[in-house]
């Protein structure tokens, strides 16, 4: 029984480590959302932080000092998929909500 408990504890530690590495990587899906118009902008994730992207630029337009890990899981998922930002007012409101 003790051997099984030890193996289970090791497995849990390895899974926790892998989950931490996975959450800290840039979300590729946030870089290129589906059905983007030529001038569309969206909030996504860049190297674990919130970033503003444009379909006309390969790199983020701006990277904010808001870490993905500091946001609730449902917001992390929305950002991984990309949140469309149609105008400056929407961007300002989102950034305020996320704590910038």
PDB file of N, CA and C in Angstrom:
ATOM      1  N   UNK A   1       0.823  -1.194   0.000  1.00  0.00           N
ATOM      2  CA  UNK A   1       0.000   0.000   0.000  1.00  0.00           C
ATOM      3  C   UNK A   1       0.867   1.258   0.000  1.00  0.00           C
ATOM      4  N   UNK A   2       1.953   1.220   0.781  1.00  0.00           N
ATOM      5  CA  UNK A   2       2.833   2.387   0.857  1.00  0.00           C
ATOM      6  C   UNK A   2       3.480   2.681  -0.496  1.00  0.00           C
ATOM      7  N   UNK A   3       3.836   1.632  -1.235  1.00  0.00           N
ATOM      8  CA  UNK A   3       4.426   1.804  -2.559  1.00  0.00           C
ATOM      9  C   UNK A   3       3.454   2.440  -3.532  1.00  0.00           C
ATOM     10  N   UNK A   4       2.187   2.048  -3.471  1.00  0.00           N
ATOM     11  CA  UNK A   4       1.162   2.623  -4.334  1.00  0.00           C
ATOM     12  C   UNK A   4       0.947   4.089  -3.993  1.00  0.00           C
ATOM     13  N   UNK A   5       0.929   4.410  -2.724  1.00  0.00           N
ATOM     14  CA  UNK A   5       0.753   5.791  -2.288  1.00  0.00           C
ATOM     15  C   UNK A   5       1.909   6.657  -2.778  1.00  0.00           C
ATOM     16  N   UNK A   6       3.122   6.133  -2.682  1.00  0.00           N
ATOM     17  CA  UNK A   6       4.301   6.867  -3.131  1.00  0.00           C
ATOM     18  C   UNK A   6       4.253   7.095  -4.645  1.00  0.00           C
ATOM     19  N   UNK A   7       3.885   6.066  -5.405  1.00  0.00           N
ATOM     20  CA  UNK A   7       3.778   6.197  -6.864  1.00  0.00           C
ATOM     21  C   UNK A   7       2.698   7.202  -7.245  1.00  0.00           C
ATOM     22  N   UNK A   8       1.595   7.174  -6.522  1.00  0.00           N
ATOM     23  CA  UNK A   8       0.514   8.125  -6.786  1.00  0.00           C
ATOM     24  C   UNK A   8       0.974   9.554  -6.508  1.00  0.00           C
ATOM     25  N   UNK A   9       1.695   9.757  -5.417  1.00  0.00           N
ATOM     26  CA  UNK A   9       2.195  11.094  -5.072  1.00  0.00           C
ATOM     27  C   UNK A   9       3.170  11.592  -6.131  1.00  0.00           C
ATOM     28  N   UNK A  10       4.038  10.731  -6.615  1.00  0.00           N
ATOM     29  CA  UNK A  10       4.987  11.117  -7.669  1.00  0.00           C
ATOM     30  C   UNK A  10       4.238  11.480  -8.940  1.00  0.00           C
ATOM     31  N   UNK A  11       3.240  10.683  -9.304  1.00  0.00           N
ATOM     32  CA  UNK A  11       2.448  10.956 -10.510  1.00  0.00           C
ATOM     33  C   UNK A  11       1.724  12.292 -10.400  1.00  0.00           C
ATOM     34  N   UNK A  12       1.165  12.584  -9.237  1.00  0.00           N
ATOM     35  CA  UNK A  12       0.466  13.856  -9.026  1.00  0.00           C
ATOM     36  C   UNK A  12       1.445  15.024  -9.151  1.00  0.00           C
ATOM     37  N   UNK A  13       2.624  14.898  -8.597  1.00  0.00           N
ATOM     38  CA  UNK A  13       3.637  15.961  -8.698  1.00  0.00           C
ATOM     39  C   UNK A  13       4.044  16.197 -10.150  1.00  0.00           C
ATOM     40  N   UNK A  14       4.232  15.146 -10.898  1.00  0.00           N
ATOM     41  CA  UNK A  14       4.617  15.278 -12.309  1.00  0.00           C
ATOM     42  C   UNK A  14       3.505  15.954 -13.095  1.00  0.00           C
ATOM     43  N   UNK A  15       2.256  15.552 -12.860  1.00  0.00           N
ATOM     44  CA  UNK A  15       1.130  16.179 -13.551  1.00  0.00           C
ATOM     45  C   UNK A  15       1.002  17.661 -13.204  1.00  0.00           C
ATOM     46  N   UNK A  16       1.214  17.997 -11.939  1.00  0.00           N
ATOM     47  CA  UNK A  16       1.150  19.398 -11.523  1.00  0.00           C
ATOM     48  C   UNK A  16       2.242  20.216 -12.205  1.00  0.00           C
ATOM     49  N   UNK A  17       3.432  19.651 -12.309  1.00  0.00           N
ATOM     50  CA  UNK A  17       4.535  20.338 -12.981  1.00  0.00           C
ATOM     51  C   UNK A  17       4.225  20.540 -14.459  1.00  0.00           C
ATOM     52  N   UNK A  18       3.723  19.509 -15.115  1.00  0.00           N
ATOM     53  CA  UNK A  18       3.382  19.624 -16.534  1.00  0.00           C
ATOM     54  C   UNK A  18       2.257  20.626 -16.757  1.00  0.00           C
ATOM     55  N   UNK A  19       1.272  20.651 -15.868  1.00  0.00           N
ATOM     56  CA  UNK A  19       0.181  21.616 -15.982  1.00  0.00           C
ATOM     57  C   UNK A  19       0.720  23.038 -15.844  1.00  0.00           C
ATOM     58  N   UNK A  20       1.656  23.259 -14.935  1.00  0.00           N
ATOM     59  CA  UNK A  20       2.250  24.586 -14.771  1.00  0.00           C
ATOM     60  C   UNK A  20       3.022  25.023 -16.000  1.00  0.00           C
ATOM     61  N   UNK A  21       3.734  24.122 -16.614  1.00  0.00           N
ATOM     62  CA  UNK A  21       4.474  24.439 -17.837  1.00  0.00           C
ATOM     63  C   UNK A  21       3.498  24.749 -18.962  1.00  0.00           C
ATOM     64  N   UNK A  22       2.424  23.959 -19.085  1.00  0.00           N
ATOM     65  CA  UNK A  22       1.451  24.157 -20.150  1.00  0.00           C
ATOM     66  C   UNK A  22       0.769  25.508 -20.016  1.00  0.00           C
ATOM     67  N   UNK A  23       0.398  25.914 -18.796  1.00  0.00           N
ATOM     68  CA  UNK A  23      -0.284  27.190 -18.600  1.00  0.00           C
ATOM     69  C   UNK A  23       0.635  28.373 -18.839  1.00  0.00           C
ATOM     70  N   UNK A  24       1.943  28.179 -18.718  1.00  0.00           N
ATOM     71  CA  UNK A  24       2.889  29.286 -18.863  1.00  0.00           C
ATOM     72  C   UNK A  24       3.343  29.491 -20.308  1.00  0.00           C
ATOM     73  N   UNK A  25       2.958  28.609 -21.217  1.00  0.00           N
ATOM     74  CA  UNK A  25       3.389  28.743 -22.605  1.00  0.00           C
ATOM     75  C   UNK A  25       2.462  29.701 -23.349  1.00  0.00           C
ATOM     76  N   UNK A  26       2.951  30.334 -24.418  1.00  0.00           N
ATOM     77  CA  UNK A  26       2.075  31.205 -25.209  1.00  0.00           C
ATOM     78  C   UNK A  26       0.964  30.380 -25.848  1.00  0.00           C
ATOM     79  N   UNK A  27      -0.222  30.937 -25.869  1.00  0.00           N
ATOM     80  CA  UNK A  27      -1.349  30.237 -26.492  1.00  0.00           C
ATOM     81  C   UNK A  27      -1.331  30.504 -27.988  1.00  0.00           C
ATOM     82  N   UNK A  28      -1.001  29.507 -28.755  1.00  0.00           N
ATOM     83  CA  UNK A  28      -0.922  29.650 -30.206  1.00  0.00           C
ATOM     84  C   UNK A  28      -2.275  30.029 -30.792  1.00  0.00           C
ATOM     85  N   UNK A  29      -3.346  29.519 -30.199  1.00  0.00           N
ATOM     86  CA  UNK A  29      -4.680  29.815 -30.721  1.00  0.00           C
ATOM     87  C   UNK A  29      -4.989  31.302 -30.623  1.00  0.00           C
ATOM     88  N   UNK A  30      -4.429  31.983 -29.622  1.00  0.00           N
ATOM     89  CA  UNK A  30      -4.702  33.401 -29.459  1.00  0.00           C
ATOM     90  C   UNK A  30      -4.009  34.234 -30.522  1.00  0.00           C
ATOM     91  N   UNK A  31      -2.981  33.706 -31.158  1.00  0.00           N
ATOM     92  CA  UNK A  31      -2.256  34.461 -32.172  1.00  0.00           C
ATOM     93  C   UNK A  31      -3.033  34.577 -33.474  1.00  0.00           C
ATOM     94  N   UNK A  32      -3.754  33.542 -33.844  1.00  0.00           N
ATOM     95  CA  UNK A  32      -4.457  33.545 -35.119  1.00  0.00           C
ATOM     96  C   UNK A  32      -5.862  32.978 -34.973  1.00  0.00           C
ATOM     97  N   UNK A  33      -6.803  33.788 -34.495  1.00  0.00           N
ATOM     98  CA  UNK A  33      -8.167  33.291 -34.365  1.00  0.00           C
ATOM     99  C   UNK A  33      -8.794  33.040 -35.733  1.00  0.00           C
ATOM    100  N   UNK A  34      -9.791  32.207 -35.758  1.00  0.00           N
ATOM    101  CA  UNK A  34     -10.481  31.867 -36.993  1.00  0.00           C
ATOM    102  C   UNK A  34     -11.373  33.026 -37.427  1.00  0.00           C
ATOM    103  N   UNK A  35     -11.523  33.203 -38.726  1.00  0.00           N
ATOM    104  CA  UNK A  35     -12.416  34.202 -39.329  1.00  0.00           C
ATOM    105  C   UNK A  35     -12.066  35.630 -38.923  1.00  0.00           C
ATOM    106  N   UNK A  36     -10.845  36.020 -39.100  1.00  0.00           N
ATOM    107  CA  UNK A  36     -10.387  37.366 -38.767  1.00  0.00           C
ATOM    108  C   UNK A  36     -10.465  38.236 -40.022  1.00  0.00           C
ATOM    109  N   UNK A  37     -11.061  39.412 -39.868  1.00  0.00           N
ATOM    110  CA  UNK A  37     -11.082  40.342 -40.995  1.00  0.00           C
ATOM    111  C   UNK A  37      -9.746  41.057 -41.067  1.00  0.00           C
ATOM    112  N   UNK A  38      -9.517  41.770 -42.152  1.00  0.00           N
ATOM    113  CA  UNK A  38      -8.200  42.350 -42.401  1.00  0.00           C
ATOM    114  C   UNK A  38      -7.733  43.324 -41.321  1.00  0.00           C
ATOM    115  N   UNK A  39      -8.637  44.119 -40.752  1.00  0.00           N
ATOM    116  CA  UNK A  39      -8.214  45.126 -39.777  1.00  0.00           C
ATOM    117  C   UNK A  39      -8.656  44.795 -38.354  1.00  0.00           C
ATOM    118  N   UNK A  40      -9.068  43.577 -38.118  1.00  0.00           N
ATOM    119  CA  UNK A  40      -9.585  43.206 -36.802  1.00  0.00           C
ATOM    120  C   UNK A  40      -8.482  43.146 -35.751  1.00  0.00           C
ATOM    121  N   UNK A  41      -8.847  43.531 -34.533  1.00  0.00           N
ATOM    122  CA  UNK A  41      -7.941  43.434 -33.394  1.00  0.00           C
ATOM    123  C   UNK A  41      -8.599  42.557 -32.340  1.00  0.00           C
ATOM    124  N   UNK A  42      -7.773  41.897 -31.529  1.00  0.00           N
ATOM    125  CA  UNK A  42      -8.306  41.051 -30.475  1.00  0.00           C
ATOM    126  C   UNK A  42      -7.318  40.960 -29.335  1.00  0.00           C
ATOM    127  N   UNK A  43      -7.860  40.634 -28.164  1.00  0.00           N
ATOM    128  CA  UNK A  43      -7.031  40.362 -26.994  1.00  0.00           C
ATOM    129  C   UNK A  43      -6.761  38.872 -26.961  1.00  0.00           C
ATOM    130  N   UNK A  44      -5.525  38.529 -26.671  1.00  0.00           N
ATOM    131  CA  UNK A  44      -5.125  37.144 -26.570  1.00  0.00           C
ATOM    132  C   UNK A  44      -3.986  37.026 -25.577  1.00  0.00           C
ATOM    133  N   UNK A  45      -3.205  35.989 -25.733  1.00  0.00           N
ATOM    134  CA  UNK A  45      -2.131  35.686 -24.788  1.00  0.00           C
ATOM    135  C   UNK A  45      -0.793  35.665 -25.517  1.00  0.00           C
ATOM    136  N   UNK A  46       0.203  36.294 -24.925  1.00  0.00           N
ATOM    137  CA  UNK A  46       1.563  36.301 -25.450  1.00  0.00           C
ATOM    138  C   UNK A  46       2.513  36.043 -24.288  1.00  0.00           C
ATOM    139  N   UNK A  47       3.198  34.925 -24.325  1.00  0.00           N
ATOM    140  CA  UNK A  47       4.161  34.554 -23.292  1.00  0.00           C
ATOM    141  C   UNK A  47       3.573  34.673 -21.886  1.00  0.00           C
ATOM    142  N   UNK A  48       2.321  34.203 -21.735  1.00  0.00           N
ATOM    143  CA  UNK A  48       1.677  34.169 -20.432  1.00  0.00           C
ATOM    144  C   UNK A  48       1.017  35.457 -19.993  1.00  0.00           C
ATOM    145  N   UNK A  49       1.066  36.490 -20.855  1.00  0.00           N
ATOM    146  CA  UNK A  49       0.457  37.776 -20.498  1.00  0.00           C
ATOM    147  C   UNK A  49      -0.595  38.187 -21.512  1.00  0.00           C
ATOM    148  N   UNK A  50      -1.469  39.079 -21.097  1.00  0.00           N
ATOM    149  CA  UNK A  50      -2.508  39.627 -21.955  1.00  0.00           C
ATOM    150  C   UNK A  50      -1.856  40.505 -23.016  1.00  0.00           C
ATOM    151  N   UNK A  51      -2.326  40.374 -24.271  1.00  0.00           N
ATOM    152  CA  UNK A  51      -1.740  41.151 -25.357  1.00  0.00           C
ATOM    153  C   UNK A  51      -2.807  41.531 -26.376  1.00  0.00           C
ATOM    154  N   UNK A  52      -2.566  42.636 -27.067  1.00  0.00           N
ATOM    155  CA  UNK A  52      -3.440  43.101 -28.143  1.00  0.00           C
ATOM    156  C   UNK A  52      -2.809  42.708 -29.470  1.00  0.00           C
ATOM    157  N   UNK A  53      -3.593  42.025 -30.305  1.00  0.00           N
ATOM    158  CA  UNK A  53      -3.125  41.565 -31.603  1.00  0.00           C
ATOM    159  C   UNK A  53      -3.914  42.235 -32.713  1.00  0.00           C
ATOM    160  N   UNK A  54      -3.308  42.265 -33.887  1.00  0.00           N
ATOM    161  CA  UNK A  54      -3.977  42.737 -35.089  1.00  0.00           C
ATOM    162  C   UNK A  54      -3.720  41.726 -36.192  1.00  0.00           C
ATOM    163  N   UNK A  55      -4.711  41.530 -37.030  1.00  0.00           N
ATOM    164  CA  UNK A  55      -4.549  40.576 -38.123  1.00  0.00           C
ATOM    165  C   UNK A  55      -3.503  41.036 -39.126  1.00  0.00           C
ATOM    166  N   UNK A  56      -3.137  42.317 -39.072  1.00  0.00           N
ATOM    167  CA  UNK A  56      -2.154  42.844 -40.031  1.00  0.00           C
ATOM    168  C   UNK A  56      -0.714  42.766 -39.512  1.00  0.00           C
ATOM    169  N   UNK A  57      -0.520  42.302 -38.264  1.00  0.00           N
ATOM    170  CA  UNK A  57       0.821  42.230 -37.673  1.00  0.00           C
ATOM    171  C   UNK A  57       1.092  40.829 -37.118  1.00  0.00           C
ATOM    172  N   UNK A  58       2.287  40.306 -37.318  1.00  0.00           N
ATOM    173  CA  UNK A  58       2.596  38.970 -36.782  1.00  0.00           C
ATOM    174  C   UNK A  58       2.825  38.957 -35.271  1.00  0.00           C
ATOM    175  N   UNK A  59       3.339  40.037 -34.726  1.00  0.00           N
ATOM    176  CA  UNK A  59       3.602  40.143 -33.290  1.00  0.00           C
ATOM    177  C   UNK A  59       2.524  41.012 -32.645  1.00  0.00           C
ATOM    178  N   UNK A  60       2.388  40.929 -31.321  1.00  0.00           N
ATOM    179  CA  UNK A  60       1.376  41.754 -30.643  1.00  0.00           C
ATOM    180  C   UNK A  60       1.644  43.241 -30.829  1.00  0.00           C
ATOM    181  N   UNK A  61       0.560  44.006 -30.880  1.00  0.00           N
ATOM    182  CA  UNK A  61       0.682  45.463 -30.931  1.00  0.00           C
ATOM    183  C   UNK A  61       1.127  45.994 -29.576  1.00  0.00           C
ATOM    184  N   UNK A  62       0.624  45.337 -28.517  1.00  0.00           N
ATOM    185  CA  UNK A  62       0.969  45.741 -27.156  1.00  0.00           C
ATOM    186  C   UNK A  62       0.830  44.532 -26.229  1.00  0.00           C
ATOM    187  N   UNK A  63       1.730  44.445 -25.270  1.00  0.00           N
ATOM    188  CA  UNK A  63       1.667  43.385 -24.259  1.00  0.00           C
ATOM    189  C   UNK A  63       1.471  44.076 -22.910  1.00  0.00           C
ATOM    190  N   UNK A  64       0.446  43.645 -22.178  1.00  0.00           N
ATOM    191  CA  UNK A  64       0.090  44.279 -20.915  1.00  0.00           C
ATOM    192  C   UNK A  64       0.669  43.506 -19.737  1.00  0.00           C
ATOM    193  N   UNK A  65       0.814  44.179 -18.631  1.00  0.00           N
ATOM    194  CA  UNK A  65       1.363  43.562 -17.420  1.00  0.00           C
ATOM    195  C   UNK A  65       0.252  42.867 -16.630  1.00  0.00           C
ATOM    196  N   UNK A  66      -0.516  42.048 -17.345  1.00  0.00           N
ATOM    197  CA  UNK A  66      -1.591  41.265 -16.736  1.00  0.00           C
ATOM    198  C   UNK A  66      -1.304  39.807 -17.074  1.00  0.00           C
ATOM    199  N   UNK A  67      -0.991  39.019 -16.065  1.00  0.00           N
ATOM    200  CA  UNK A  67      -0.636  37.622 -16.265  1.00  0.00           C
ATOM    201  C   UNK A  67      -1.883  36.766 -16.373  1.00  0.00           C
ATOM    202  N   UNK A  68      -1.878  35.860 -17.320  1.00  0.00           N
ATOM    203  CA  UNK A  68      -3.003  34.964 -17.545  1.00  0.00           C
ATOM    204  C   UNK A  68      -3.358  34.206 -16.272  1.00  0.00           C
ATOM    205  N   UNK A  69      -2.364  33.763 -15.536  1.00  0.00           N
ATOM    206  CA  UNK A  69      -2.591  32.975 -14.315  1.00  0.00           C
ATOM    207  C   UNK A  69      -3.353  33.758 -13.250  1.00  0.00           C
ATOM    208  N   UNK A  70      -3.377  35.087 -13.345  1.00  0.00           N
ATOM    209  CA  UNK A  70      -4.075  35.906 -12.351  1.00  0.00           C
ATOM    210  C   UNK A  70      -5.568  36.031 -12.653  1.00  0.00           C
ATOM    211  N   UNK A  71      -6.014  35.518 -13.794  1.00  0.00           N
ATOM    212  CA  UNK A  71      -7.409  35.643 -14.207  1.00  0.00           C
ATOM    213  C   UNK A  71      -8.171  34.343 -13.939  1.00  0.00           C
ATOM    214  N   UNK A  72      -9.502  34.451 -13.793  1.00  0.00           N
ATOM    215  CA  UNK A  72     -10.317  33.247 -13.581  1.00  0.00           C
ATOM    216  C   UNK A  72     -10.217  32.291 -14.781  1.00  0.00           C
ATOM    217  N   UNK A  73     -10.393  30.997 -14.550  1.00  0.00           N
ATOM    218  CA  UNK A  73     -10.260  30.008 -15.625  1.00  0.00           C
ATOM    219  C   UNK A  73     -11.125  30.292 -16.853  1.00  0.00           C
ATOM    220  N   UNK A  74     -12.369  30.757 -16.659  1.00  0.00           N
ATOM    221  CA  UNK A  74     -13.220  31.016 -17.813  1.00  0.00           C
ATOM    222  C   UNK A  74     -12.697  32.178 -18.661  1.00  0.00           C
ATOM    223  N   UNK A  75     -12.078  33.168 -18.036  1.00  0.00           N
ATOM    224  CA  UNK A  75     -11.479  34.274 -18.794  1.00  0.00           C
ATOM    225  C   UNK A  75     -10.211  33.806 -19.498  1.00  0.00           C
ATOM    226  N   UNK A  76      -9.470  32.911 -18.868  1.00  0.00           N
ATOM    227  CA  UNK A  76      -8.284  32.342 -19.511  1.00  0.00           C
ATOM    228  C   UNK A  76      -8.675  31.619 -20.791  1.00  0.00           C
ATOM    229  N   UNK A  77      -9.776  30.885 -20.739  1.00  0.00           N
ATOM    230  CA  UNK A  77     -10.248  30.168 -21.922  1.00  0.00           C
ATOM    231  C   UNK A  77     -10.695  31.132 -23.013  1.00  0.00           C
ATOM    232  N   UNK A  78     -11.409  32.190 -22.630  1.00  0.00           N
ATOM    233  CA  UNK A  78     -11.852  33.189 -23.621  1.00  0.00           C
ATOM    234  C   UNK A  78     -10.649  33.839 -24.299  1.00  0.00           C
ATOM    235  N   UNK A  79      -9.644  34.178 -23.508  1.00  0.00           N
ATOM    236  CA  UNK A  79      -8.447  34.814 -24.062  1.00  0.00           C
ATOM    237  C   UNK A  79      -7.652  33.858 -24.934  1.00  0.00           C
ATOM    238  N   UNK A  80      -7.628  32.580 -24.579  1.00  0.00           N
ATOM    239  CA  UNK A  80      -6.927  31.596 -25.401  1.00  0.00           C
ATOM    240  C   UNK A  80      -7.560  31.502 -26.782  1.00  0.00           C
ATOM    241  N   UNK A  81      -8.868  31.707 -26.855  1.00  0.00           N
ATOM    242  CA  UNK A  81      -9.581  31.677 -28.137  1.00  0.00           C
ATOM    243  C   UNK A  81      -9.498  33.026 -28.848  1.00  0.00           C
ATOM    244  N   UNK A  82      -9.230  34.104 -28.103  1.00  0.00           N
ATOM    245  CA  UNK A  82      -9.163  35.448 -28.673  1.00  0.00           C
ATOM    246  C   UNK A  82     -10.481  36.182 -28.479  1.00  0.00           C
ATOM    247  N   UNK A  83     -10.416  37.374 -27.914  1.00  0.00           N
ATOM    248  CA  UNK A  83     -11.602  38.200 -27.690  1.00  0.00           C
ATOM    249  C   UNK A  83     -11.527  39.390 -28.644  1.00  0.00           C
ATOM    250  N   UNK A  84     -12.480  39.472 -29.556  1.00  0.00           N
ATOM    251  CA  UNK A  84     -12.499  40.545 -30.551  1.00  0.00           C
ATOM    252  C   UNK A  84     -12.645  41.900 -29.864  1.00  0.00           C
ATOM    253  N   UNK A  85     -11.865  42.860 -30.338  1.00  0.00           N
ATOM    254  CA  UNK A  85     -11.895  44.225 -29.810  1.00  0.00           C
ATOM    255  C   UNK A  85     -12.248  45.154 -30.981  1.00  0.00           C
ATOM    256  N   UNK A  86     -13.547  45.463 -31.153  1.00  0.00           N
ATOM    257  CA  UNK A  86     -13.963  46.249 -32.308  1.00  0.00           C
ATOM    258  C   UNK A  86     -13.584  47.734 -32.245  1.00  0.00           C
ATOM    259  N   UNK A  87     -13.352  48.255 -31.017  1.00  0.00           N
ATOM    260  CA  UNK A  87     -13.033  49.682 -30.897  1.00  0.00           C
ATOM    261  C   UNK A  87     -12.275  49.959 -29.598  1.00  0.00           C
ATOM    262  N   UNK A  88     -11.800  51.193 -29.478  1.00  0.00           N
ATOM    263  CA  UNK A  88     -11.005  51.609 -28.317  1.00  0.00           C
ATOM    264  C   UNK A  88     -11.815  51.537 -27.023  1.00  0.00           C
ATOM    265  N   UNK A  89     -13.106  51.852 -27.100  1.00  0.00           N
ATOM    266  CA  UNK A  89     -13.964  51.819 -25.910  1.00  0.00           C
ATOM    267  C   UNK A  89     -14.044  50.389 -25.349  1.00  0.00           C
ATOM    268  N   UNK A  90     -14.207  49.407 -26.225  1.00  0.00           N
ATOM    269  CA  UNK A  90     -14.259  48.008 -25.796  1.00  0.00           C
ATOM    270  C   UNK A  90     -12.927  47.585 -25.201  1.00  0.00           C
ATOM    271  N   UNK A  91     -11.821  47.990 -25.839  1.00  0.00           N
ATOM    272  CA  UNK A  91     -10.490  47.659 -25.322  1.00  0.00           C
ATOM    273  C   UNK A  91     -10.306  48.228 -23.920  1.00  0.00           C
ATOM    274  N   UNK A  92     -10.658  49.476 -23.733  1.00  0.00           N
ATOM    275  CA  UNK A  92     -10.519  50.126 -22.431  1.00  0.00           C
ATOM    276  C   UNK A  92     -11.355  49.408 -21.374  1.00  0.00           C
ATOM    277  N   UNK A  93     -12.578  49.037 -21.718  1.00  0.00           N
ATOM    278  CA  UNK A  93     -13.453  48.352 -20.773  1.00  0.00           C
ATOM    279  C   UNK A  93     -12.877  46.982 -20.392  1.00  0.00           C
ATOM    280  N   UNK A  94     -12.386  46.239 -21.379  1.00  0.00           N
ATOM    281  CA  UNK A  94     -11.798  44.929 -21.088  1.00  0.00           C
ATOM    282  C   UNK A  94     -10.571  45.043 -20.211  1.00  0.00           C
ATOM    283  N   UNK A  95      -9.691  45.983 -20.536  1.00  0.00           N
ATOM    284  CA  UNK A  95      -8.479  46.163 -19.750  1.00  0.00           C
ATOM    285  C   UNK A  95      -8.802  46.573 -18.322  1.00  0.00           C
ATOM    286  N   UNK A  96      -9.828  47.391 -18.150  1.00  0.00           N
ATOM    287  CA  UNK A  96     -10.265  47.784 -16.812  1.00  0.00           C
ATOM    288  C   UNK A  96     -10.782  46.559 -16.050  1.00  0.00           C
ATOM    289  N   UNK A  97     -11.574  45.750 -16.725  1.00  0.00           N
ATOM    290  CA  UNK A  97     -12.086  44.526 -16.088  1.00  0.00           C
ATOM    291  C   UNK A  97     -10.974  43.577 -15.677  1.00  0.00           C
ATOM    292  N   UNK A  98      -9.915  43.502 -16.488  1.00  0.00           N
ATOM    293  CA  UNK A  98      -8.819  42.586 -16.199  1.00  0.00           C
ATOM    294  C   UNK A  98      -7.801  43.173 -15.232  1.00  0.00           C
ATOM    295  N   UNK A  99      -7.965  44.430 -14.877  1.00  0.00           N
ATOM    296  CA  UNK A  99      -7.118  45.002 -13.833  1.00  0.00           C
ATOM    297  C   UNK A  99      -5.984  45.862 -14.312  1.00  0.00           C
ATOM    298  N   UNK A 100      -6.019  46.338 -15.543  1.00  0.00           N
ATOM    299  CA  UNK A 100      -4.937  47.188 -16.037  1.00  0.00           C
ATOM    300  C   UNK A 100      -5.211  48.638 -15.706  1.00  0.00           C
TER     301      UNK A 100
END
